[in-house]
Structure formats: C-alpha cells, structure tokens
C-alpha cells in the first residue's frame, strides 16, 4: 500500500488548512449551501457505511485485503468511493461556510492525494482479489461521482 496519511487524518489537516487560508469579506455563496453540502456529506457517508454493514464485509481503508465481498449495491452503484466523496463534500461545506475561495485548491489537492495514494492502490488490491467482477464494476461506475 502506498498510503502515507489515512484519508480521515488528511481530511482534518485539509479542514485546518482551509480555516487558516484567506477568506473573502463578501459572501457570494450563501452559508445555507454549506449546510446543504454537509447534509449531503452525512447522507453519502452513512449510506456507504450501511452498504458495507448490509453486505457483512470489512471496510478498512488501511487494509483492503480484509474485504471479503465486493460491494456494488446502494450508493456504490453511483460512486466507487462514496466514503471519500463524503469527505470531499464536507470540505466543500467547510469552504463555503468559511467563505474561502482558496478552499478549492485544498479540496483539489485532497482529491489528488486520496486518488493517488489511497484509491489507486486500493483498486489494485481489489482487481487482484475480485478479478473480472471488479474490472466490470470499474467500467460501469465512476470513481468519484
């Protein structure tokens, strides 16, 4: 595994960075949209965890080899990585709430890092473990959304 920082820790560090970045004085996006993105984040996150519990399989990002079943139902029909998507949605909510235009750079960096150091290595393991079932799933369902 190539992962250096686990996504939840990277999420916290990204949120802290967004907090300390310059913020605009005039709100061009109402704070209510921040709450909407936070709600979407919670829904996507809960749906993704529920799908794993429903299938009775592990969802440990640090060790994808523990997964004993390929989860392709529920929210996983729309996104291959809804747990990470929920973190991105929460960062968007935070950026909107703080009125930080620079948040988009942090969020793009977060997505790049998670893709490069978590998703790509994780999917390599899943291809080895589930073979054609996973590669078929990859062709049908987008990585993020």
C-alpha atoms as a PDB file:
ATOM      1  CA  UNK A   1       0.000   0.000   0.000  1.00  0.00           C
ATOM      2  CA  UNK A   2       1.300   3.429  -0.901  1.00  0.00           C
ATOM      3  CA  UNK A   3      -0.823   5.332   1.585  1.00  0.00           C
ATOM      4  CA  UNK A   4       1.129   7.750   3.755  1.00  0.00           C
ATOM      5  CA  UNK A   5      -1.668   9.644   5.519  1.00  0.00           C
ATOM      6  CA  UNK A   6      -5.032   7.984   6.106  1.00  0.00           C
ATOM      7  CA  UNK A   7      -7.916   9.910   4.469  1.00  0.00           C
ATOM      8  CA  UNK A   8      -9.578  10.893   7.786  1.00  0.00           C
ATOM      9  CA  UNK A   9      -6.321  12.463   9.018  1.00  0.00           C
ATOM     10  CA  UNK A  10      -5.785  14.170   5.664  1.00  0.00           C
ATOM     11  CA  UNK A  11      -9.376  15.445   5.894  1.00  0.00           C
ATOM     12  CA  UNK A  12      -8.687  17.015   9.301  1.00  0.00           C
ATOM     13  CA  UNK A  13      -5.437  18.584   8.087  1.00  0.00           C
ATOM     14  CA  UNK A  14      -7.217  19.931   4.989  1.00  0.00           C
ATOM     15  CA  UNK A  15     -10.015  21.416   7.101  1.00  0.00           C
ATOM     16  CA  UNK A  16      -7.445  23.127   9.339  1.00  0.00           C
ATOM     17  CA  UNK A  17      -5.620  24.493   6.300  1.00  0.00           C
ATOM     18  CA  UNK A  18      -8.864  25.847   4.827  1.00  0.00           C
ATOM     19  CA  UNK A  19      -9.576  27.554   8.157  1.00  0.00           C
ATOM     20  CA  UNK A  20      -6.284  29.452   8.043  1.00  0.00           C
ATOM     21  CA  UNK A  21      -6.494  30.471   4.373  1.00  0.00           C
ATOM     22  CA  UNK A  22      -7.702  33.974   3.470  1.00  0.00           C
ATOM     23  CA  UNK A  23     -11.457  34.422   3.461  1.00  0.00           C
ATOM     24  CA  UNK A  24     -13.497  36.778   1.309  1.00  0.00           C
ATOM     25  CA  UNK A  25     -15.309  39.603   3.048  1.00  0.00           C
ATOM     26  CA  UNK A  26     -18.442  39.403   0.914  1.00  0.00           C
ATOM     27  CA  UNK A  27     -20.441  36.181   0.808  1.00  0.00           C
ATOM     28  CA  UNK A  28     -21.173  35.245  -2.794  1.00  0.00           C
ATOM     29  CA  UNK A  29     -22.421  31.796  -1.839  1.00  0.00           C
ATOM     30  CA  UNK A  30     -24.974  31.744   0.992  1.00  0.00           C
ATOM     31  CA  UNK A  31     -23.935  29.776   4.072  1.00  0.00           C
ATOM     32  CA  UNK A  32     -27.077  27.686   3.635  1.00  0.00           C
ATOM     33  CA  UNK A  33     -25.342  25.927   0.735  1.00  0.00           C
ATOM     34  CA  UNK A  34     -22.619  24.920   3.177  1.00  0.00           C
ATOM     35  CA  UNK A  35     -25.221  23.228   5.344  1.00  0.00           C
ATOM     36  CA  UNK A  36     -26.673  21.546   2.262  1.00  0.00           C
ATOM     37  CA  UNK A  37     -23.263  20.111   1.344  1.00  0.00           C
ATOM     38  CA  UNK A  38     -22.754  18.998   4.948  1.00  0.00           C
ATOM     39  CA  UNK A  39     -26.100  17.210   4.863  1.00  0.00           C
ATOM     40  CA  UNK A  40     -25.178  15.552   1.547  1.00  0.00           C
ATOM     41  CA  UNK A  41     -21.845  14.532   3.062  1.00  0.00           C
ATOM     42  CA  UNK A  42     -23.575  12.885   6.019  1.00  0.00           C
ATOM     43  CA  UNK A  43     -26.085  11.082   3.804  1.00  0.00           C
ATOM     44  CA  UNK A  44     -23.425   9.772   1.398  1.00  0.00           C
ATOM     45  CA  UNK A  45     -21.143   8.742   4.274  1.00  0.00           C
ATOM     46  CA  UNK A  46     -23.880   6.907   6.159  1.00  0.00           C
ATOM     47  CA  UNK A  47     -25.144   5.199   3.008  1.00  0.00           C
ATOM     48  CA  UNK A  48     -21.639   3.970   2.184  1.00  0.00           C
ATOM     49  CA  UNK A  49     -21.033   2.537   5.660  1.00  0.00           C
ATOM     50  CA  UNK A  50     -24.522   1.000   5.693  1.00  0.00           C
ATOM     51  CA  UNK A  51     -23.809  -0.793   2.391  1.00  0.00           C
ATOM     52  CA  UNK A  52     -20.769  -2.486   3.941  1.00  0.00           C
ATOM     53  CA  UNK A  53     -22.686  -3.500   7.072  1.00  0.00           C
ATOM     54  CA  UNK A  54     -25.536  -4.822   4.945  1.00  0.00           C
ATOM     55  CA  UNK A  55     -23.099  -6.994   2.962  1.00  0.00           C
ATOM     56  CA  UNK A  56     -21.319  -8.031   6.206  1.00  0.00           C
ATOM     57  CA  UNK A  57     -17.840  -7.175   4.972  1.00  0.00           C
ATOM     58  CA  UNK A  58     -14.952  -5.058   6.251  1.00  0.00           C
ATOM     59  CA  UNK A  59     -14.360  -1.508   5.050  1.00  0.00           C
ATOM     60  CA  UNK A  60     -10.893  -0.843   6.443  1.00  0.00           C
ATOM     61  CA  UNK A  61      -9.157   1.668   4.138  1.00  0.00           C
ATOM     62  CA  UNK A  62      -5.768   0.791   5.644  1.00  0.00           C
ATOM     63  CA  UNK A  63      -6.126  -2.854   4.562  1.00  0.00           C
ATOM     64  CA  UNK A  64      -8.500  -3.547   1.646  1.00  0.00           C
ATOM     65  CA  UNK A  65      -7.442  -7.219   1.676  1.00  0.00           C
ATOM     66  CA  UNK A  66      -9.827  -7.677   4.646  1.00  0.00           C
ATOM     67  CA  UNK A  67     -12.791  -7.132   2.333  1.00  0.00           C
ATOM     68  CA  UNK A  68     -14.399 -10.482   1.597  1.00  0.00           C
ATOM     69  CA  UNK A  69     -17.198  -9.299  -0.686  1.00  0.00           C
ATOM     70  CA  UNK A  70     -17.368  -6.761  -3.495  1.00  0.00           C
ATOM     71  CA  UNK A  71     -19.941  -4.123  -2.540  1.00  0.00           C
ATOM     72  CA  UNK A  72     -21.717  -2.798  -5.644  1.00  0.00           C
ATOM     73  CA  UNK A  73     -25.198  -2.092  -4.264  1.00  0.00           C
ATOM     74  CA  UNK A  74     -26.764   1.037  -2.807  1.00  0.00           C
ATOM     75  CA  UNK A  75     -24.653   4.178  -3.082  1.00  0.00           C
ATOM     76  CA  UNK A  76     -21.903   2.059  -4.678  1.00  0.00           C
ATOM     77  CA  UNK A  77     -23.991   1.928  -7.867  1.00  0.00           C
ATOM     78  CA  UNK A  78     -23.322   5.663  -8.260  1.00  0.00           C
ATOM     79  CA  UNK A  79     -19.759   6.044  -6.942  1.00  0.00           C
ATOM     80  CA  UNK A  80     -16.934   3.576  -6.360  1.00  0.00           C
ATOM     81  CA  UNK A  81     -15.653   5.739  -3.499  1.00  0.00           C
ATOM     82  CA  UNK A  82     -18.574   7.311  -1.649  1.00  0.00           C
ATOM     83  CA  UNK A  83     -16.726   7.379   1.686  1.00  0.00           C
ATOM     84  CA  UNK A  84     -14.045   9.622   0.210  1.00  0.00           C
ATOM     85  CA  UNK A  85     -16.701  11.570  -1.687  1.00  0.00           C
ATOM     86  CA  UNK A  86     -18.429  12.300   1.625  1.00  0.00           C
ATOM     87  CA  UNK A  87     -15.170  13.795   2.937  1.00  0.00           C
ATOM     88  CA  UNK A  88     -14.897  15.984  -0.178  1.00  0.00           C
ATOM     89  CA  UNK A  89     -18.492  17.167   0.286  1.00  0.00           C
ATOM     90  CA  UNK A  90     -17.725  18.044   3.919  1.00  0.00           C
ATOM     91  CA  UNK A  91     -14.663  20.048   2.837  1.00  0.00           C
ATOM     92  CA  UNK A  92     -16.800  21.898   0.281  1.00  0.00           C
ATOM     93  CA  UNK A  93     -19.301  22.666   3.057  1.00  0.00           C
ATOM     94  CA  UNK A  94     -16.488  23.952   5.281  1.00  0.00           C
ATOM     95  CA  UNK A  95     -15.061  26.102   2.489  1.00  0.00           C
ATOM     96  CA  UNK A  96     -18.476  27.622   1.773  1.00  0.00           C
ATOM     97  CA  UNK A  97     -19.186  28.218   5.440  1.00  0.00           C
ATOM     98  CA  UNK A  98     -15.813  29.976   5.868  1.00  0.00           C
ATOM     99  CA  UNK A  99     -16.222  31.826   2.548  1.00  0.00           C
ATOM    100  CA  UNK A 100     -12.784  30.620   1.474  1.00  0.00           C
ATOM    101  CA  UNK A 101     -12.174  30.713  -2.259  1.00  0.00           C
ATOM    102  CA  UNK A 102      -8.796  29.095  -1.700  1.00  0.00           C
ATOM    103  CA  UNK A 103     -10.583  26.038  -0.323  1.00  0.00           C
ATOM    104  CA  UNK A 104     -10.992  24.795  -3.897  1.00  0.00           C
ATOM    105  CA  UNK A 105      -7.210  24.377  -4.131  1.00  0.00           C
ATOM    106  CA  UNK A 106      -7.083  22.415  -0.883  1.00  0.00           C
ATOM    107  CA  UNK A 107     -10.017  20.250  -1.972  1.00  0.00           C
ATOM    108  CA  UNK A 108      -8.374  19.547  -5.345  1.00  0.00           C
ATOM    109  CA  UNK A 109      -5.165  18.600  -3.514  1.00  0.00           C
ATOM    110  CA  UNK A 110      -7.121  16.364  -1.146  1.00  0.00           C
ATOM    111  CA  UNK A 111      -8.794  14.599  -4.062  1.00  0.00           C
ATOM    112  CA  UNK A 112      -5.489  14.149  -5.901  1.00  0.00           C
ATOM    113  CA  UNK A 113      -3.767  12.734  -2.822  1.00  0.00           C
ATOM    114  CA  UNK A 114      -6.610  10.357  -1.945  1.00  0.00           C
ATOM    115  CA  UNK A 115      -6.809   9.189  -5.559  1.00  0.00           C
ATOM    116  CA  UNK A 116      -3.067   8.672  -5.927  1.00  0.00           C
ATOM    117  CA  UNK A 117      -2.212   7.218  -2.528  1.00  0.00           C
ATOM    118  CA  UNK A 118      -5.455   5.511  -1.483  1.00  0.00           C
ATOM    119  CA  UNK A 119      -7.839   4.751  -4.332  1.00  0.00           C
ATOM    120  CA  UNK A 120      -5.356   3.574  -6.979  1.00  0.00           C
ATOM    121  CA  UNK A 121      -3.521   1.176  -4.607  1.00  0.00           C
ATOM    122  CA  UNK A 122      -6.839   0.050  -3.089  1.00  0.00           C
ATOM    123  CA  UNK A 123      -8.278  -0.727  -6.516  1.00  0.00           C
ATOM    124  CA  UNK A 124      -5.126  -2.649  -7.443  1.00  0.00           C
ATOM    125  CA  UNK A 125      -5.807  -4.948  -4.480  1.00  0.00           C
ATOM    126  CA  UNK A 126      -9.480  -5.269  -5.418  1.00  0.00           C
ATOM    127  CA  UNK A 127      -8.579  -6.249  -9.004  1.00  0.00           C
ATOM    128  CA  UNK A 128      -6.301  -8.976  -7.634  1.00  0.00           C
ATOM    129  CA  UNK A 129      -8.932 -10.136  -5.177  1.00  0.00           C
ATOM    130  CA  UNK A 130     -12.102  -9.944  -7.320  1.00  0.00           C
ATOM    131  CA  UNK A 131     -10.716 -10.014 -10.877  1.00  0.00           C
ATOM    132  CA  UNK A 132     -13.231  -9.534 -13.689  1.00  0.00           C
ATOM    133  CA  UNK A 133     -16.071  -8.710 -11.293  1.00  0.00           C
ATOM    134  CA  UNK A 134     -14.178  -5.626 -10.130  1.00  0.00           C
ATOM    135  CA  UNK A 135     -12.929  -4.581 -13.581  1.00  0.00           C
ATOM    136  CA  UNK A 136     -16.520  -4.831 -14.878  1.00  0.00           C
ATOM    137  CA  UNK A 137     -17.619  -2.684 -11.941  1.00  0.00           C
ATOM    138  CA  UNK A 138     -14.878  -0.146 -12.757  1.00  0.00           C
ATOM    139  CA  UNK A 139     -16.190   0.221 -16.307  1.00  0.00           C
ATOM    140  CA  UNK A 140     -19.792   0.727 -15.133  1.00  0.00           C
ATOM    141  CA  UNK A 141     -19.350   3.044 -12.132  1.00  0.00           C
ATOM    142  CA  UNK A 142     -17.357   6.274 -11.940  1.00  0.00           C
ATOM    143  CA  UNK A 143     -14.568   6.696  -9.429  1.00  0.00           C
ATOM    144  CA  UNK A 144     -15.962   9.758  -7.633  1.00  0.00           C
ATOM    145  CA  UNK A 145     -19.393  10.654  -8.960  1.00  0.00           C
END
